[in-house]
Amino acid sequence: MRIRRRFGALGSGAVRTAFDPSPVPFILLMALGFLVGTAGHVYKSNAAIALGIALIAIATVLLPLGLYLAGE
């Protein structure tokens, strides 16, 4: 008895990424977070530091995760 394997689109060599939006908005939001956080350190503003950290977290984790889960 011979076992025959069938491969779908992934087995035939076609590779599709699950998440492929442009990285430019994420990079810009992260850069803005670094700038706000740096300014917060310069002016000794805890609110600006926290906002910078939040912007970096949104750009690196929350926004990509939200887009991935939404199927974009």
PDB file of N, CA and C in Angstrom:
ATOM      1  N   MET A   1       0.845  -1.167   0.000  1.00  0.00           N
ATOM      2  CA  MET A   1       0.000   0.000   0.000  1.00  0.00           C
ATOM      3  C   MET A   1       0.897   1.239   0.000  1.00  0.00           C
ATOM      4  N   ARG A   2       0.581   2.150  -0.864  1.00  0.00           N
ATOM      5  CA  ARG A   2       1.409   3.345  -1.021  1.00  0.00           C
ATOM      6  C   ARG A   2       0.703   4.546  -0.403  1.00  0.00           C
ATOM      7  N   ILE A   3       1.443   5.301   0.401  1.00  0.00           N
ATOM      8  CA  ILE A   3       0.879   6.487   1.043  1.00  0.00           C
ATOM      9  C   ILE A   3       1.152   7.687   0.149  1.00  0.00           C
ATOM     10  N   ARG A   4       0.089   8.385  -0.180  1.00  0.00           N
ATOM     11  CA  ARG A   4       0.214   9.560  -1.039  1.00  0.00           C
ATOM     12  C   ARG A   4      -0.083  10.810  -0.217  1.00  0.00           C
ATOM     13  N   ARG A   5       0.812  11.749  -0.253  1.00  0.00           N
ATOM     14  CA  ARG A   5       0.628  12.986   0.499  1.00  0.00           C
ATOM     15  C   ARG A   5       0.192  14.093  -0.450  1.00  0.00           C
ATOM     16  N   ARG A   6      -0.771  14.817   0.007  1.00  0.00           N
ATOM     17  CA  ARG A   6      -1.233  15.969  -0.766  1.00  0.00           C
ATOM     18  C   ARG A   6      -0.859  17.234  -0.021  1.00  0.00           C
ATOM     19  N   PHE A   7      -0.294  18.146  -0.745  1.00  0.00           N
ATOM     20  CA  PHE A   7       0.105  19.415  -0.175  1.00  0.00           C
ATOM     21  C   PHE A   7      -0.777  20.506  -0.739  1.00  0.00           C
ATOM     22  N   GLY A   8      -1.173  21.415   0.147  1.00  0.00           N
ATOM     23  CA  GLY A   8      -1.967  22.564  -0.284  1.00  0.00           C
ATOM     24  C   GLY A   8      -1.075  23.643  -0.856  1.00  0.00           C
ATOM     25  N   ALA A   9      -1.530  24.857  -0.755  1.00  0.00           N
ATOM     26  CA  ALA A   9      -0.786  25.993  -1.305  1.00  0.00           C
ATOM     27  C   ALA A   9       0.557  26.173  -0.611  1.00  0.00           C
ATOM     28  N   LEU A  10       0.627  25.878   0.672  1.00  0.00           N
ATOM     29  CA  LEU A  10       1.882  26.059   1.393  1.00  0.00           C
ATOM     30  C   LEU A  10       2.904  24.994   1.014  1.00  0.00           C
ATOM     31  N   GLY A  11       2.441  23.794   0.707  1.00  0.00           N
ATOM     32  CA  GLY A  11       3.358  22.728   0.352  1.00  0.00           C
ATOM     33  C   GLY A  11       3.908  22.860  -1.053  1.00  0.00           C
ATOM     34  N   SER A  12       3.253  23.618  -1.901  1.00  0.00           N
ATOM     35  CA  SER A  12       3.702  23.739  -3.283  1.00  0.00           C
ATOM     36  C   SER A  12       4.768  24.808  -3.470  1.00  0.00           C
ATOM     37  N   GLY A  13       5.218  25.421  -2.382  1.00  0.00           N
ATOM     38  CA  GLY A  13       6.279  26.403  -2.476  1.00  0.00           C
ATOM     39  C   GLY A  13       5.793  27.831  -2.327  1.00  0.00           C
ATOM     40  N   ALA A  14       4.503  28.036  -2.407  1.00  0.00           N
ATOM     41  CA  ALA A  14       3.969  29.391  -2.245  1.00  0.00           C
ATOM     42  C   ALA A  14       3.906  29.717  -0.764  1.00  0.00           C
ATOM     43  N   VAL A  15       4.573  30.768  -0.370  1.00  0.00           N
ATOM     44  CA  VAL A  15       4.588  31.168   1.031  1.00  0.00           C
ATOM     45  C   VAL A  15       3.832  32.472   1.160  1.00  0.00           C
ATOM     46  N   ARG A  16       2.869  32.497   2.027  1.00  0.00           N
ATOM     47  CA  ARG A  16       2.074  33.697   2.254  1.00  0.00           C
ATOM     48  C   ARG A  16       2.252  34.113   3.696  1.00  0.00           C
ATOM     49  N   THR A  17       2.572  35.362   3.902  1.00  0.00           N
ATOM     50  CA  THR A  17       2.722  35.826   5.271  1.00  0.00           C
ATOM     51  C   THR A  17       1.361  36.096   5.869  1.00  0.00           C
ATOM     52  N   ALA A  18       1.257  35.890   7.161  1.00  0.00           N
ATOM     53  CA  ALA A  18      -0.019  36.085   7.841  1.00  0.00           C
ATOM     54  C   ALA A  18      -0.265  37.553   8.162  1.00  0.00           C
ATOM     55  N   PHE A  19       0.797  38.334   8.154  1.00  0.00           N
ATOM     56  CA  PHE A  19       0.678  39.728   8.568  1.00  0.00           C
ATOM     57  C   PHE A  19       1.627  40.542   7.708  1.00  0.00           C
ATOM     58  N   ASP A  20       1.087  41.355   6.798  1.00  0.00           N
ATOM     59  CA  ASP A  20       1.972  42.058   5.887  1.00  0.00           C
ATOM     60  C   ASP A  20       1.592  43.510   5.604  1.00  0.00           C
ATOM     61  N   PRO A  21       1.142  44.295   6.604  1.00  0.00           N
ATOM     62  CA  PRO A  21       0.936  45.723   6.331  1.00  0.00           C
ATOM     63  C   PRO A  21       2.277  46.460   6.295  1.00  0.00           C
ATOM     64  N   SER A  22       2.250  47.686   5.832  1.00  0.00           N
ATOM     65  CA  SER A  22       3.467  48.488   5.750  1.00  0.00           C
ATOM     66  C   SER A  22       3.986  48.807   7.154  1.00  0.00           C
ATOM     67  N   PRO A  23       5.293  48.675   7.376  1.00  0.00           N
ATOM     68  CA  PRO A  23       5.844  48.945   8.708  1.00  0.00           C
ATOM     69  C   PRO A  23       6.058  50.431   8.988  1.00  0.00           C
ATOM     70  N   VAL A  24       5.875  51.289   7.995  1.00  0.00           N
ATOM     71  CA  VAL A  24       6.173  52.719   8.167  1.00  0.00           C
ATOM     72  C   VAL A  24       5.369  53.363   9.302  1.00  0.00           C
ATOM     73  N   PRO A  25       4.042  53.169   9.393  1.00  0.00           N
ATOM     74  CA  PRO A  25       3.317  53.802  10.503  1.00  0.00           C
ATOM     75  C   PRO A  25       3.778  53.330  11.881  1.00  0.00           C
ATOM     76  N   PHE A  26       4.152  52.069  11.989  1.00  0.00           N
ATOM     77  CA  PHE A  26       4.618  51.537  13.267  1.00  0.00           C
ATOM     78  C   PHE A  26       5.951  52.173  13.656  1.00  0.00           C
ATOM     79  N   ILE A  27       6.840  52.318  12.682  1.00  0.00           N
ATOM     80  CA  ILE A  27       8.143  52.918  12.948  1.00  0.00           C
ATOM     81  C   ILE A  27       7.991  54.385  13.328  1.00  0.00           C
ATOM     82  N   LEU A  28       7.114  55.099  12.625  1.00  0.00           N
ATOM     83  CA  LEU A  28       6.908  56.509  12.941  1.00  0.00           C
ATOM     84  C   LEU A  28       6.307  56.697  14.337  1.00  0.00           C
ATOM     85  N   LEU A  29       5.341  55.856  14.692  1.00  0.00           N
ATOM     86  CA  LEU A  29       4.738  55.954  16.024  1.00  0.00           C
ATOM     87  C   LEU A  29       5.752  55.615  17.107  1.00  0.00           C
ATOM     88  N   MET A  30       6.609  54.630  16.849  1.00  0.00           N
ATOM     89  CA  MET A  30       7.640  54.283  17.823  1.00  0.00           C
ATOM     90  C   MET A  30       8.654  55.423  17.956  1.00  0.00           C
ATOM     91  N   ALA A  31       9.051  56.033  16.843  1.00  0.00           N
ATOM     92  CA  ALA A  31       9.985  57.163  16.895  1.00  0.00           C
ATOM     93  C   ALA A  31       9.369  58.330  17.660  1.00  0.00           C
ATOM     94  N   LEU A  32       8.077  58.576  17.449  1.00  0.00           N
ATOM     95  CA  LEU A  32       7.393  59.630  18.197  1.00  0.00           C
ATOM     96  C   LEU A  32       7.411  59.320  19.692  1.00  0.00           C
ATOM     97  N   GLY A  33       7.207  58.062  20.050  1.00  0.00           N
ATOM     98  CA  GLY A  33       7.259  57.658  21.450  1.00  0.00           C
ATOM     99  C   GLY A  33       8.623  57.894  22.063  1.00  0.00           C
ATOM    100  N   PHE A  34       9.687  57.593  21.307  1.00  0.00           N
ATOM    101  CA  PHE A  34      11.039  57.850  21.817  1.00  0.00           C
ATOM    102  C   PHE A  34      11.280  59.349  21.987  1.00  0.00           C
ATOM    103  N   LEU A  35      10.805  60.143  21.027  1.00  0.00           N
ATOM    104  CA  LEU A  35      10.988  61.597  21.142  1.00  0.00           C
ATOM    105  C   LEU A  35      10.229  62.165  22.336  1.00  0.00           C
ATOM    106  N   VAL A  36       8.994  61.740  22.528  1.00  0.00           N
ATOM    107  CA  VAL A  36       8.199  62.227  23.660  1.00  0.00           C
ATOM    108  C   VAL A  36       8.827  61.785  24.977  1.00  0.00           C
ATOM    109  N   GLY A  37       9.269  60.535  25.040  1.00  0.00           N
ATOM    110  CA  GLY A  37       9.914  60.046  26.256  1.00  0.00           C
ATOM    111  C   GLY A  37      11.212  60.768  26.566  1.00  0.00           C
ATOM    112  N   THR A  38      11.995  61.037  25.535  1.00  0.00           N
ATOM    113  CA  THR A  38      13.243  61.778  25.724  1.00  0.00           C
ATOM    114  C   THR A  38      12.971  63.199  26.204  1.00  0.00           C
ATOM    115  N   ALA A  39      11.974  63.840  25.590  1.00  0.00           N
ATOM    116  CA  ALA A  39      11.606  65.193  26.028  1.00  0.00           C
ATOM    117  C   ALA A  39      11.104  65.170  27.471  1.00  0.00           C
ATOM    118  N   GLY A  40      10.391  64.117  27.826  1.00  0.00           N
ATOM    119  CA  GLY A  40       9.932  63.983  29.202  1.00  0.00           C
ATOM    120  C   GLY A  40      11.076  63.872  30.189  1.00  0.00           C
ATOM    121  N   HIS A  41      12.135  63.156  29.792  1.00  0.00           N
ATOM    122  CA  HIS A  41      13.307  63.063  30.664  1.00  0.00           C
ATOM    123  C   HIS A  41      14.034  64.396  30.754  1.00  0.00           C
ATOM    124  N   VAL A  42      14.122  65.097  29.635  1.00  0.00           N
ATOM    125  CA  VAL A  42      14.813  66.395  29.630  1.00  0.00           C
ATOM    126  C   VAL A  42      14.081  67.384  30.529  1.00  0.00           C
ATOM    127  N   TYR A  43      12.749  67.435  30.410  1.00  0.00           N
ATOM    128  CA  TYR A  43      11.954  68.396  31.188  1.00  0.00           C
ATOM    129  C   TYR A  43      11.460  67.835  32.521  1.00  0.00           C
ATOM    130  N   LYS A  44      11.878  66.605  32.840  1.00  0.00           N
ATOM    131  CA  LYS A  44      11.507  65.943  34.095  1.00  0.00           C
ATOM    132  C   LYS A  44       9.987  65.874  34.286  1.00  0.00           C
ATOM    133  N   SER A  45       9.315  65.455  33.216  1.00  0.00           N
ATOM    134  CA  SER A  45       7.860  65.324  33.245  1.00  0.00           C
ATOM    135  C   SER A  45       7.498  63.839  33.225  1.00  0.00           C
ATOM    136  N   ASN A  46       6.980  63.357  34.353  1.00  0.00           N
ATOM    137  CA  ASN A  46       6.609  61.943  34.429  1.00  0.00           C
ATOM    138  C   ASN A  46       5.472  61.596  33.474  1.00  0.00           C
ATOM    139  N   ALA A  47       4.565  62.525  33.243  1.00  0.00           N
ATOM    140  CA  ALA A  47       3.458  62.275  32.320  1.00  0.00           C
ATOM    141  C   ALA A  47       3.973  62.089  30.892  1.00  0.00           C
ATOM    142  N   ALA A  48       4.932  62.903  30.474  1.00  0.00           N
ATOM    143  CA  ALA A  48       5.489  62.770  29.124  1.00  0.00           C
ATOM    144  C   ALA A  48       6.283  61.471  28.984  1.00  0.00           C
ATOM    145  N   ILE A  49       6.991  61.085  30.034  1.00  0.00           N
ATOM    146  CA  ILE A  49       7.733  59.819  30.002  1.00  0.00           C
ATOM    147  C   ILE A  49       6.755  58.656  29.854  1.00  0.00           C
ATOM    148  N   ALA A  50       5.687  58.674  30.635  1.00  0.00           N
ATOM    149  CA  ALA A  50       4.686  57.607  30.565  1.00  0.00           C
ATOM    150  C   ALA A  50       4.007  57.582  29.195  1.00  0.00           C
ATOM    151  N   LEU A  51       3.734  58.763  28.638  1.00  0.00           N
ATOM    152  CA  LEU A  51       3.125  58.821  27.314  1.00  0.00           C
ATOM    153  C   LEU A  51       4.069  58.250  26.259  1.00  0.00           C
ATOM    154  N   GLY A  52       5.359  58.562  26.351  1.00  0.00           N
ATOM    155  CA  GLY A  52       6.332  58.008  25.415  1.00  0.00           C
ATOM    156  C   GLY A  52       6.405  56.497  25.498  1.00  0.00           C
ATOM    157  N   ILE A  53       6.411  55.967  26.713  1.00  0.00           N
ATOM    158  CA  ILE A  53       6.428  54.510  26.891  1.00  0.00           C
ATOM    159  C   ILE A  53       5.157  53.892  26.332  1.00  0.00           C
ATOM    160  N   ALA A  54       4.018  54.536  26.559  1.00  0.00           N
ATOM    161  CA  ALA A  54       2.747  54.028  26.037  1.00  0.00           C
ATOM    162  C   ALA A  54       2.739  54.028  24.512  1.00  0.00           C
ATOM    163  N   LEU A  55       3.258  55.078  23.891  1.00  0.00           N
ATOM    164  CA  LEU A  55       3.309  55.130  22.426  1.00  0.00           C
ATOM    165  C   LEU A  55       4.194  54.029  21.859  1.00  0.00           C
ATOM    166  N   ILE A  56       5.306  53.768  22.514  1.00  0.00           N
ATOM    167  CA  ILE A  56       6.195  52.688  22.061  1.00  0.00           C
ATOM    168  C   ILE A  56       5.498  51.336  22.202  1.00  0.00           C
ATOM    169  N   ALA A  57       4.799  51.121  23.315  1.00  0.00           N
ATOM    170  CA  ALA A  57       4.086  49.860  23.521  1.00  0.00           C
ATOM    171  C   ALA A  57       2.976  49.684  22.494  1.00  0.00           C
ATOM    172  N   ILE A  58       2.258  50.756  22.190  1.00  0.00           N
ATOM    173  CA  ILE A  58       1.190  50.683  21.194  1.00  0.00           C
ATOM    174  C   ILE A  58       1.765  50.349  19.826  1.00  0.00           C
ATOM    175  N   ALA A  59       2.878  50.980  19.472  1.00  0.00           N
ATOM    176  CA  ALA A  59       3.470  50.773  18.147  1.00  0.00           C
ATOM    177  C   ALA A  59       4.061  49.384  17.981  1.00  0.00           C
ATOM    178  N   THR A  60       4.601  48.815  19.061  1.00  0.00           N
ATOM    179  CA  THR A  60       5.299  47.536  18.918  1.00  0.00           C
ATOM    180  C   THR A  60       4.437  46.322  19.237  1.00  0.00           C
ATOM    181  N   VAL A  61       3.411  46.490  20.065  1.00  0.00           N
ATOM    182  CA  VAL A  61       2.633  45.323  20.476  1.00  0.00           C
ATOM    183  C   VAL A  61       1.150  45.469  20.159  1.00  0.00           C
ATOM    184  N   LEU A  62       0.527  46.486  20.688  1.00  0.00           N
ATOM    185  CA  LEU A  62      -0.927  46.562  20.638  1.00  0.00           C
ATOM    186  C   LEU A  62      -1.483  46.802  19.236  1.00  0.00           C
ATOM    187  N   LEU A  63      -0.931  47.744  18.498  1.00  0.00           N
ATOM    188  CA  LEU A  63      -1.439  48.032  17.159  1.00  0.00           C
ATOM    189  C   LEU A  63      -1.233  46.862  16.200  1.00  0.00           C
ATOM    190  N   PRO A  64      -0.034  46.261  16.118  1.00  0.00           N
ATOM    191  CA  PRO A  64       0.105  45.096  15.253  1.00  0.00           C
ATOM    192  C   PRO A  64      -0.776  43.925  15.675  1.00  0.00           C
ATOM    193  N   LEU A  65      -0.915  43.718  16.972  1.00  0.00           N
ATOM    194  CA  LEU A  65      -1.768  42.633  17.445  1.00  0.00           C
ATOM    195  C   LEU A  65      -3.220  42.879  17.074  1.00  0.00           C
ATOM    196  N   GLY A  66      -3.674  44.116  17.249  1.00  0.00           N
ATOM    197  CA  GLY A  66      -5.048  44.459  16.877  1.00  0.00           C
ATOM    198  C   GLY A  66      -5.315  44.283  15.393  1.00  0.00           C
ATOM    199  N   LEU A  67      -4.374  44.698  14.558  1.00  0.00           N
ATOM    200  CA  LEU A  67      -4.540  44.517  13.108  1.00  0.00           C
ATOM    201  C   LEU A  67      -4.527  43.046  12.734  1.00  0.00           C
ATOM    202  N   TYR A  68      -3.675  42.271  13.361  1.00  0.00           N
ATOM    203  CA  TYR A  68      -3.602  40.845  13.078  1.00  0.00           C
ATOM    204  C   TYR A  68      -4.906  40.147  13.453  1.00  0.00           C
ATOM    205  N   LEU A  69      -5.429  40.479  14.632  1.00  0.00           N
ATOM    206  CA  LEU A  69      -6.672  39.845  15.085  1.00  0.00           C
ATOM    207  C   LEU A  69      -7.870  40.286  14.271  1.00  0.00           C
ATOM    208  N   ALA A  70      -7.820  41.510  13.728  1.00  0.00           N
ATOM    209  CA  ALA A  70      -8.921  42.006  12.905  1.00  0.00           C
ATOM    210  C   ALA A  70      -8.871  41.436  11.493  1.00  0.00           C
ATOM    211  N   GLY A  71      -7.756  40.799  11.150  1.00  0.00           N
ATOM    212  CA  GLY A  71      -7.652  40.183   9.842  1.00  0.00           C
ATOM    213  C   GLY A  71      -7.224  41.136   8.744  1.00  0.00           C
ATOM    214  N   GLU A  72      -6.642  42.239   9.084  1.00  0.00           N
ATOM    215  CA  GLU A  72      -6.222  43.237   8.069  1.00  0.00           C
ATOM    216  C   GLU A  72      -4.978  42.787   7.370  1.00  0.00           C
TER     217      GLU A  72
END
